[in-house]
């Protein structure tokens, strides 16, 4: 009971401080810019309202359809403290959406013949074979079936990815899965990059890191403004992210009455032996997320969470996939490769997230506002990007004021998504007349 009372007191104190801070903080004028096809005016109105009524502090929203940017909206502030507006050039943290970019990179490598989904990971990384990992295939790894939720106990900082590479890889190679591979699935929240990034580097014919492979094989070729490991010269473009503290997150979750998030956060924080807590353990930049605004940390190529992007870049790459994989006469991925990416590999109760999930080979099979399946990834704080192959468009939403949502269910995005689908019907009808 003392722990509960203490937690309540901490939450109440944090809330009081937050309210007082907001009362005395000067208000900046709302700013909304961008462009949109006239048929999507209702989407623009909702986006503007979210900025003007304070639901949104800084965000962007985009839609690509068959190579055309139909919606490109941005608004609010990239940095409130310095009154820096969000603009057409602003980038922000994509968080777990980065996993889907790594999956697209892996699919490209499969096409190149450098990687095979069905082969064991140890075919590319021989040291990985020990401690009941010899049967873990590449596609098991990508679909969160490997059971390697916390394979590197000495992973203390994202900087270790660059400074202590060999030690980290040795720990991961020697780790023992938390369940027999393939018997269940659980979201590899942070460890995804430790295993997948190493695998891709070892399979790559030039042994480049994940950021370099994506840049040279995909981003440069198709003009995708997305970075896995941000060059220092690009930092002036990045929005400063303002994160919820743990007490604020807990309070918001409790007030939401959302049983899924209550179970998740309760397991992560109050049950240290759970799979959820194991997957949640990470470097100090996760405990103190404000450190992720550090340019040194942004520079780390780490596909679990360290992607930096604009909304239109995400909408573009998913829009290319949604419309068949070809853009301006160049092929990003074949239709066969896209089918493999989005195909259902495993579904059901996720041992980490404690909700039903469906995974492809690195993609999450999401439900849109109409209840149909789309393919992409959601991310910490409400970020989301996906390909709707039925309607042939890519949709994305990013914000620098993350919420506690991460399952494609942030109300800020869902309002925009719902309006987008309704407007898209009118847009298609207008194209037929």
Protein backbone atom coordinates (compact mmCIF):
# COMPACT_ATOMS: atom_id res chain seq x y z
CA UNK A 1 0.00 0.00 0.00
CA UNK A 2 2.89 2.38 0.76
CA UNK A 3 4.19 1.95 -2.81
CA UNK A 4 0.76 2.83 -4.22
CA UNK A 5 0.42 5.87 -1.93
CA UNK A 6 3.90 6.99 -2.89
CA UNK A 7 3.14 6.62 -6.59
CA UNK A 8 -0.09 8.61 -6.21
CA UNK A 9 1.76 11.40 -4.37
CA UNK A 10 4.43 11.56 -7.06
CA UNK A 11 1.81 11.70 -9.80
CA UNK A 12 -0.18 14.42 -7.99
CA UNK A 13 2.96 16.49 -7.39
CA UNK A 14 3.98 16.18 -11.02
CA UNK A 15 0.49 17.15 -12.17
CA UNK A 16 0.44 20.20 -9.89
CA UNK A 17 3.82 21.33 -11.17
CA UNK A 18 2.71 20.83 -14.75
CA UNK A 19 -0.47 22.86 -14.25
CA UNK A 20 1.45 25.71 -12.61
CA UNK A 21 4.04 25.67 -15.38
CA UNK A 22 1.36 25.87 -18.05
CA UNK A 23 -0.42 28.73 -16.25
CA UNK A 24 2.65 30.95 -16.33
CA UNK A 25 4.08 29.87 -19.68
CA UNK A 26 3.54 32.49 -22.40
CA UNK A 27 1.40 31.32 -25.30
CA UNK A 28 2.86 31.43 -28.79
CA UNK A 29 0.59 32.21 -31.75
CA UNK A 30 -0.61 29.09 -33.61
CA UNK A 31 1.03 28.49 -36.98
CA UNK A 32 -0.25 26.11 -39.66
CA UNK A 33 1.19 25.83 -43.17
CA UNK A 34 1.47 23.43 -46.09
CA UNK A 35 -0.74 22.48 -48.98
CA UNK A 36 -3.46 20.00 -49.82
CA UNK A 37 -5.73 19.00 -52.67
CA UNK A 38 -9.06 20.88 -52.29
CA UNK A 39 -10.92 17.61 -51.70
CA UNK A 40 -8.98 17.22 -48.42
CA UNK A 41 -9.95 20.56 -46.92
CA UNK A 42 -11.67 18.86 -43.97
CA UNK A 43 -8.37 17.19 -43.05
CA UNK A 44 -6.62 20.56 -43.10
CA UNK A 45 -9.33 22.04 -40.89
CA UNK A 46 -8.90 19.30 -38.28
CA UNK A 47 -5.13 19.71 -38.37
CA UNK A 48 -5.49 23.47 -37.89
CA UNK A 49 -7.97 23.01 -35.03
CA UNK A 50 -5.59 20.63 -33.26
CA UNK A 51 -2.85 23.26 -33.41
CA UNK A 52 -5.10 26.15 -32.42
CA UNK A 53 -6.77 24.43 -29.48
CA UNK A 54 -3.50 23.12 -28.05
CA UNK A 55 -4.01 19.42 -28.74
CA UNK A 56 -0.95 19.66 -30.95
CA UNK A 57 2.19 21.69 -30.30
CA UNK A 58 4.27 20.62 -33.28
CA UNK A 59 3.35 18.06 -35.94
CA UNK A 60 3.15 17.14 -39.61
CA UNK A 61 0.77 14.99 -41.66
CA UNK A 62 1.15 13.76 -45.23
CA UNK A 63 -0.48 11.60 -47.91
CA UNK A 64 1.14 10.28 -51.10
CA UNK A 65 -1.10 8.74 -53.74
CA UNK A 66 0.39 7.17 -56.88
CA UNK A 67 3.45 9.40 -56.71
CA UNK A 68 1.52 12.60 -55.96
CA UNK A 69 1.73 14.47 -52.65
CA UNK A 70 -1.95 15.21 -51.99
CA UNK A 71 -1.54 16.36 -48.36
CA UNK A 72 1.52 18.01 -46.85
CA UNK A 73 0.60 19.83 -43.64
CA UNK A 74 2.81 21.07 -40.85
CA UNK A 75 2.19 23.32 -37.91
CA UNK A 76 3.14 24.51 -34.47
CA UNK A 77 6.69 24.74 -33.24
CA UNK A 78 9.83 22.72 -33.79
CA UNK A 79 11.12 24.30 -30.58
CA UNK A 80 8.75 26.25 -28.35
CA UNK A 81 11.54 27.46 -26.06
CA UNK A 82 13.16 29.41 -28.90
CA UNK A 83 9.86 30.10 -30.74
CA UNK A 84 11.17 28.21 -33.79
CA UNK A 85 8.22 27.35 -36.05
CA UNK A 86 7.83 23.95 -37.69
CA UNK A 87 8.51 24.44 -41.39
CA UNK A 88 8.68 22.57 -44.68
CA UNK A 89 12.21 21.42 -43.88
CA UNK A 90 11.62 20.16 -40.32
CA UNK A 91 12.51 16.61 -39.30
CA UNK A 92 11.55 14.80 -36.12
CA UNK A 93 12.07 11.51 -34.31
CA UNK A 94 10.23 8.62 -35.97
CA UNK A 95 10.87 6.22 -33.07
CA UNK A 96 9.69 2.65 -33.81
CA UNK A 97 8.61 3.49 -37.35
CA UNK A 98 12.34 3.08 -37.98
CA UNK A 99 11.89 -0.68 -37.61
CA UNK A 100 9.77 -0.73 -40.76
CA UNK A 101 12.47 1.19 -42.65
CA UNK A 102 14.96 -1.47 -41.56
CA UNK A 103 12.49 -4.09 -42.82
CA UNK A 104 12.28 -2.35 -46.21
CA UNK A 105 16.09 -2.30 -46.29
CA UNK A 106 16.17 -6.03 -45.51
CA UNK A 107 13.66 -6.66 -48.32
CA UNK A 108 15.92 -4.77 -50.72
CA UNK A 109 18.84 -6.92 -49.60
CA UNK A 110 16.78 -10.07 -50.21
CA UNK A 111 16.13 -8.84 -53.75
CA UNK A 112 19.84 -8.19 -54.22
CA UNK A 113 20.55 -11.78 -53.15
CA UNK A 114 22.51 -10.72 -50.07
CA UNK A 115 19.96 -12.06 -47.60
CA UNK A 116 17.44 -14.92 -47.45
CA UNK A 117 14.40 -14.74 -45.15
CA UNK A 118 14.31 -18.52 -44.68
CA UNK A 119 17.96 -18.96 -43.72
CA UNK A 120 19.10 -19.08 -40.09
CA UNK A 121 20.64 -15.90 -38.73
CA UNK A 122 23.79 -17.89 -38.00
CA UNK A 123 24.36 -18.34 -41.75
CA UNK A 124 25.44 -14.69 -41.74
CA UNK A 125 26.49 -14.39 -38.11
CA UNK A 126 28.11 -17.70 -37.05
CA UNK A 127 28.65 -16.67 -33.42
CA UNK A 128 24.88 -16.29 -33.04
CA UNK A 129 24.30 -20.04 -33.24
CA UNK A 130 24.90 -20.87 -29.55
CA UNK A 131 22.41 -21.14 -26.66
CA UNK A 132 19.34 -22.41 -28.50
CA UNK A 133 19.47 -19.83 -31.30
CA UNK A 134 20.57 -22.10 -34.15
CA UNK A 135 16.99 -22.40 -35.49
CA UNK A 136 16.20 -18.67 -35.47
CA UNK A 137 15.65 -17.59 -39.06
CA UNK A 138 15.89 -14.11 -40.53
CA UNK A 139 12.10 -13.86 -40.83
CA UNK A 140 11.60 -14.98 -37.23
CA UNK A 141 13.88 -12.18 -36.15
CA UNK A 142 12.01 -9.60 -38.22
CA UNK A 143 8.60 -10.79 -36.94
CA UNK A 144 9.48 -10.63 -33.23
CA UNK A 145 9.54 -14.38 -32.63
CA UNK A 146 13.16 -14.75 -31.49
CA UNK A 147 12.61 -14.22 -27.75
CA UNK A 148 15.64 -11.91 -27.47
CA UNK A 149 13.98 -9.13 -25.53
CA UNK A 150 17.02 -8.02 -23.53
CA UNK A 151 20.08 -9.76 -24.97
CA UNK A 152 22.71 -7.18 -23.93
CA UNK A 153 22.67 -6.45 -20.17
CA UNK A 154 25.58 -4.02 -20.52
CA UNK A 155 23.86 -1.87 -23.14
CA UNK A 156 24.02 1.37 -21.14
CA UNK A 157 23.86 4.07 -23.81
CA UNK A 158 22.99 4.36 -27.48
CA UNK A 159 26.57 5.56 -27.90
CA UNK A 160 27.66 1.98 -27.14
CA UNK A 161 26.38 1.02 -30.60
CA UNK A 162 29.32 2.95 -32.04
CA UNK A 163 31.85 2.92 -29.20
CA UNK A 164 31.44 -0.65 -27.91
CA UNK A 165 30.26 -2.42 -31.05
CA UNK A 166 32.15 -5.67 -30.61
CA UNK A 167 31.21 -6.06 -26.95
CA UNK A 168 27.52 -5.51 -27.69
CA UNK A 169 27.53 -7.94 -30.59
CA UNK A 170 29.30 -10.54 -28.46
CA UNK A 171 26.66 -10.23 -25.72
CA UNK A 172 23.82 -10.57 -28.22
CA UNK A 173 25.46 -13.55 -29.92
CA UNK A 174 25.81 -15.34 -26.59
CA UNK A 175 22.31 -14.51 -25.28
CA UNK A 176 19.71 -17.17 -24.54
CA UNK A 177 16.13 -16.57 -25.82
CA UNK A 178 13.39 -16.03 -23.26
CA UNK A 179 11.25 -18.60 -25.12
CA UNK A 180 11.96 -21.22 -27.80
CA UNK A 181 12.09 -19.35 -31.10
CA UNK A 182 8.88 -19.58 -33.09
CA UNK A 183 6.69 -20.71 -30.18
CA UNK A 184 5.33 -17.23 -29.46
CA UNK A 185 5.91 -13.63 -30.36
CA UNK A 186 6.68 -10.54 -28.32
CA UNK A 187 7.58 -7.09 -29.55
CA UNK A 188 11.36 -6.57 -29.43
CA UNK A 189 10.99 -2.95 -28.47
CA UNK A 190 14.65 -1.95 -28.17
CA UNK A 191 16.54 -5.15 -28.89
CA UNK A 192 15.27 -5.28 -32.48
CA UNK A 193 18.14 -3.06 -33.61
CA UNK A 194 20.77 -5.00 -31.65
CA UNK A 195 20.01 -8.15 -33.61
CA UNK A 196 18.60 -6.94 -36.94
CA UNK A 197 21.12 -4.14 -37.54
CA UNK A 198 24.02 -6.51 -36.84
CA UNK A 199 22.53 -9.17 -39.11
CA UNK A 200 22.11 -6.72 -42.00
CA UNK A 201 25.63 -5.36 -41.57
CA UNK A 202 27.09 -8.85 -41.66
CA UNK A 203 24.96 -9.87 -44.67
CA UNK A 204 25.79 -6.72 -46.62
CA UNK A 205 28.53 -7.27 -49.21
CA UNK A 206 30.25 -4.03 -48.06
CA UNK A 207 29.48 -4.55 -44.34
CA UNK A 208 27.91 -1.11 -44.06
CA UNK A 209 25.82 -0.17 -41.02
CA UNK A 210 22.04 0.01 -41.31
CA UNK A 211 22.04 3.78 -41.85
CA UNK A 212 24.53 3.56 -44.69
CA UNK A 213 22.75 0.66 -46.40
CA UNK A 214 19.41 2.46 -46.34
CA UNK A 215 20.92 5.74 -47.53
CA UNK A 216 22.93 4.28 -50.40
CA UNK A 217 20.50 1.63 -51.61
CA UNK A 218 17.18 3.44 -51.10
CA UNK A 219 17.15 7.00 -49.72
CA UNK A 220 19.53 8.57 -52.23
CA UNK A 221 17.96 6.73 -55.17
CA UNK A 222 14.37 7.69 -54.36
CA UNK A 223 14.81 11.01 -52.55
CA UNK A 224 13.59 9.75 -49.17
CA UNK A 225 14.33 12.34 -46.48
CA UNK A 226 14.80 9.76 -43.72
CA UNK A 227 17.93 9.06 -41.69
CA UNK A 228 18.89 6.15 -39.44
CA UNK A 229 21.67 7.96 -37.67
CA UNK A 230 21.51 11.68 -38.42
CA UNK A 231 24.55 13.50 -39.90
CA UNK A 232 25.61 16.38 -37.64
CA UNK A 233 25.09 18.84 -40.49
CA UNK A 234 21.34 18.05 -40.53
CA UNK A 235 20.67 18.81 -36.86
CA UNK A 236 19.49 22.35 -37.49
CA UNK A 237 16.40 20.83 -39.13
CA UNK A 238 15.31 18.59 -36.25
CA UNK A 239 12.42 19.49 -33.98
CA UNK A 240 13.16 19.38 -30.27
CA UNK A 241 11.07 16.60 -28.75
CA UNK A 242 9.37 17.22 -25.41
CA UNK A 243 8.62 13.98 -23.59
CA UNK A 244 6.13 12.92 -20.94
CA UNK A 245 7.72 11.95 -17.65
CA UNK A 246 6.84 8.57 -16.17
CA UNK A 247 4.44 10.13 -13.62
CA UNK A 248 2.73 12.12 -16.37
CA UNK A 249 2.44 9.02 -18.55
CA UNK A 250 0.94 7.01 -15.69
CA UNK A 251 -1.56 9.74 -14.90
CA UNK A 252 -2.58 10.08 -18.56
CA UNK A 253 -2.99 6.32 -18.87
CA UNK A 254 -5.14 6.12 -15.75
CA UNK A 255 -7.33 9.02 -16.88
CA UNK A 256 -7.76 7.41 -20.30
CA UNK A 257 -9.27 4.30 -18.68
CA UNK A 258 -7.70 2.32 -21.55
CA UNK A 259 -7.24 -1.17 -20.15
CA UNK A 260 -4.62 -2.11 -22.75
CA UNK A 261 -2.28 0.70 -21.75
CA UNK A 262 -2.99 0.26 -18.05
CA UNK A 263 -1.91 -3.39 -18.35
CA UNK A 264 1.15 -2.53 -20.41
CA UNK A 265 2.49 0.29 -18.25
CA UNK A 266 1.60 -1.59 -15.07
CA UNK A 267 3.57 -4.62 -16.24
CA UNK A 268 6.52 -2.53 -17.48
CA UNK A 269 6.88 -0.51 -14.30
CA UNK A 270 5.60 -2.70 -11.49
CA UNK A 271 6.44 -6.24 -12.65
CA UNK A 272 10.22 -6.33 -13.24
CA UNK A 273 10.24 -10.04 -14.11
CA UNK A 274 7.70 -9.71 -16.95
CA UNK A 275 8.50 -9.91 -20.65
CA UNK A 276 7.17 -6.36 -20.90
CA UNK A 277 9.69 -5.05 -18.37
CA UNK A 278 12.46 -7.04 -20.03
CA UNK A 279 11.74 -5.51 -23.43
CA UNK A 280 11.43 -2.05 -21.86
CA UNK A 281 14.89 -2.17 -20.27
CA UNK A 282 17.28 -0.07 -22.23
CA UNK A 283 20.00 2.52 -22.34
CA UNK A 284 19.84 5.68 -20.28
CA UNK A 285 18.40 7.60 -23.24
CA UNK A 286 15.21 5.58 -22.81
CA UNK A 287 14.98 6.25 -19.07
CA UNK A 288 15.69 9.93 -19.72
CA UNK A 289 14.25 10.45 -23.19
CA UNK A 290 15.28 14.10 -23.28
CA UNK A 291 18.80 12.87 -24.03
CA UNK A 292 17.55 11.88 -27.47
CA UNK A 293 17.66 15.56 -28.40
CA UNK A 294 21.46 15.33 -28.16
CA UNK A 295 23.03 15.46 -31.68
CA UNK A 296 25.55 12.81 -30.61
CA UNK A 297 22.70 10.41 -29.81
CA UNK A 298 20.78 11.29 -32.97
CA UNK A 299 23.83 10.27 -34.99
CA UNK A 300 23.69 6.64 -33.81
CA UNK A 301 22.41 4.18 -36.45
CA UNK A 302 19.89 2.26 -34.35
CA UNK A 303 16.78 0.98 -36.11
CA UNK A 304 14.67 0.31 -33.02
CA UNK A 305 13.98 3.97 -32.45
CA UNK A 306 16.57 6.36 -33.86
CA UNK A 307 15.12 7.27 -37.25
CA UNK A 308 14.74 10.96 -38.10
CA UNK A 309 12.24 11.95 -40.77
CA UNK A 310 9.67 14.31 -42.19
CA UNK A 311 6.06 13.20 -42.54
CA UNK A 312 6.18 13.55 -46.31
CA UNK A 313 9.27 11.30 -46.53
CA UNK A 314 7.43 8.54 -44.69
CA UNK A 315 4.29 9.03 -46.76
CA UNK A 316 6.43 8.89 -49.89
CA UNK A 317 8.20 5.60 -49.18
CA UNK A 318 4.98 3.90 -48.04
CA UNK A 319 3.14 5.46 -50.97
CA UNK A 320 5.65 3.89 -53.34
CA UNK A 321 5.04 0.48 -51.77
CA UNK A 322 1.26 1.00 -51.77
CA UNK A 323 1.19 1.73 -55.49
CA UNK A 324 3.24 -1.27 -56.59
CA UNK A 325 6.85 -0.46 -55.66
CA UNK A 326 7.79 1.73 -58.63
CA UNK A 327 8.39 5.49 -58.62
CA UNK A 328 9.26 7.62 -61.65
CA UNK A 329 10.34 4.58 -63.61
CA UNK A 330 12.57 3.18 -60.85
CA UNK A 331 11.71 0.10 -58.81
CA UNK A 332 12.06 0.30 -55.04
CA UNK A 333 10.76 -3.23 -54.48
CA UNK A 334 8.99 -5.77 -56.65
CA UNK A 335 5.36 -6.61 -56.01
CA UNK A 336 6.49 -10.05 -54.83
CA UNK A 337 8.83 -8.49 -52.26
CA UNK A 338 6.07 -6.18 -51.03
CA UNK A 339 3.76 -9.17 -50.60
CA UNK A 340 6.42 -10.91 -48.49
CA UNK A 341 6.91 -7.80 -46.37
CA UNK A 342 3.25 -7.46 -45.49
CA UNK A 343 2.29 -11.17 -45.38
CA UNK A 344 1.07 -12.37 -42.01
CA UNK A 345 3.90 -14.21 -40.26
CA UNK A 346 2.40 -14.45 -36.78
CA UNK A 347 -0.60 -13.09 -34.92
CA UNK A 348 -2.32 -13.29 -31.55
CA UNK A 349 -1.47 -12.19 -28.02
CA UNK A 350 1.87 -10.40 -27.91
CA UNK A 351 3.95 -11.50 -24.92
CA UNK A 352 5.43 -8.01 -24.56
CA UNK A 353 2.64 -5.59 -25.45
CA UNK A 354 -0.11 -7.78 -23.90
CA UNK A 355 -2.51 -7.12 -26.79
CA UNK A 356 -3.24 -8.99 -30.02
CA UNK A 357 -0.74 -8.11 -32.73
CA UNK A 358 -0.08 -9.24 -36.29
CA UNK A 359 3.42 -9.04 -37.77
CA UNK A 360 4.84 -9.40 -41.23
CA UNK A 361 8.56 -9.54 -41.99
CA UNK A 362 9.25 -6.34 -40.09
CA UNK A 363 5.90 -4.64 -40.75
CA UNK A 364 3.00 -4.42 -38.32
CA UNK A 365 -0.37 -5.24 -39.88
CA UNK A 366 -2.45 -2.33 -38.62
CA UNK A 367 -6.16 -1.55 -38.76
CA UNK A 368 -7.19 1.76 -40.30
CA UNK A 369 -10.21 3.81 -39.26
CA UNK A 370 -12.40 1.76 -41.60
CA UNK A 371 -11.36 -1.52 -40.03
CA UNK A 372 -9.26 -2.63 -43.01
CA UNK A 373 -5.70 -3.96 -42.79
CA UNK A 374 -2.87 -1.63 -43.75
CA UNK A 375 0.88 -2.23 -43.53
CA UNK A 376 3.59 -0.22 -41.83
CA UNK A 377 4.45 0.71 -38.27
CA UNK A 378 3.30 2.76 -35.33
CA UNK A 379 5.77 4.37 -32.95
CA UNK A 380 6.24 5.77 -29.48
CA UNK A 381 4.21 8.87 -28.80
CA UNK A 382 1.62 8.48 -31.53
CA UNK A 383 3.83 8.43 -34.65
CA UNK A 384 2.52 6.25 -37.48
CA UNK A 385 3.18 5.53 -41.14
CA UNK A 386 1.60 2.91 -43.37
CA UNK A 387 0.86 1.72 -46.87
CA UNK A 388 -2.76 1.18 -47.87
CA UNK A 389 -2.33 -1.13 -50.85
CA UNK A 390 -6.08 -1.23 -51.52
CA UNK A 391 -6.30 2.52 -52.01
CA UNK A 392 -2.68 2.80 -53.18
CA UNK A 393 -1.58 5.55 -50.83
CA UNK A 394 0.95 6.11 -48.08
CA UNK A 395 -0.08 8.02 -44.96
CA UNK A 396 2.04 9.38 -42.11
CA UNK A 397 1.81 11.46 -38.95
CA UNK A 398 4.66 12.70 -36.76
CA UNK A 399 4.82 14.93 -33.70
CA UNK A 400 7.52 16.29 -31.41
CA UNK A 401 5.18 16.16 -28.41
CA UNK A 402 4.74 12.40 -27.93
CA UNK A 403 1.78 11.04 -26.02
CA UNK A 404 1.55 7.71 -24.18
CA UNK A 405 -0.01 6.10 -27.26
CA UNK A 406 1.98 3.81 -29.53
CA UNK A 407 -0.51 1.33 -31.05
CA UNK A 408 -1.80 3.39 -33.98
CA UNK A 409 -4.47 4.86 -31.71
CA UNK A 410 -3.43 8.40 -30.80
CA UNK A 411 -6.63 10.49 -31.04
CA UNK A 412 -4.73 13.31 -32.76
CA UNK A 413 -3.89 10.98 -35.63
CA UNK A 414 -7.13 8.98 -35.67
CA UNK A 415 -9.21 12.14 -36.25
CA UNK A 416 -7.01 13.04 -39.21
CA UNK A 417 -7.03 9.48 -40.55
CA UNK A 418 -10.82 9.19 -40.42
CA UNK A 419 -11.26 12.48 -42.26
CA UNK A 420 -8.63 11.47 -44.81
CA UNK A 421 -10.50 8.32 -45.79
CA UNK A 422 -13.79 10.19 -46.12
CA UNK A 423 -12.16 12.89 -48.24
CA UNK A 424 -10.31 10.29 -50.30
CA UNK A 425 -13.64 8.82 -51.41
CA UNK A 426 -14.67 12.25 -52.70
CA UNK A 427 -11.28 12.71 -54.35
CA UNK A 428 -11.54 9.39 -56.24
CA UNK A 429 -15.11 10.18 -57.32
CA UNK A 430 -13.96 13.56 -58.64
CA UNK A 431 -11.23 11.91 -60.72
CA UNK A 432 -13.79 9.75 -62.49
CA UNK A 433 -15.95 12.64 -63.66
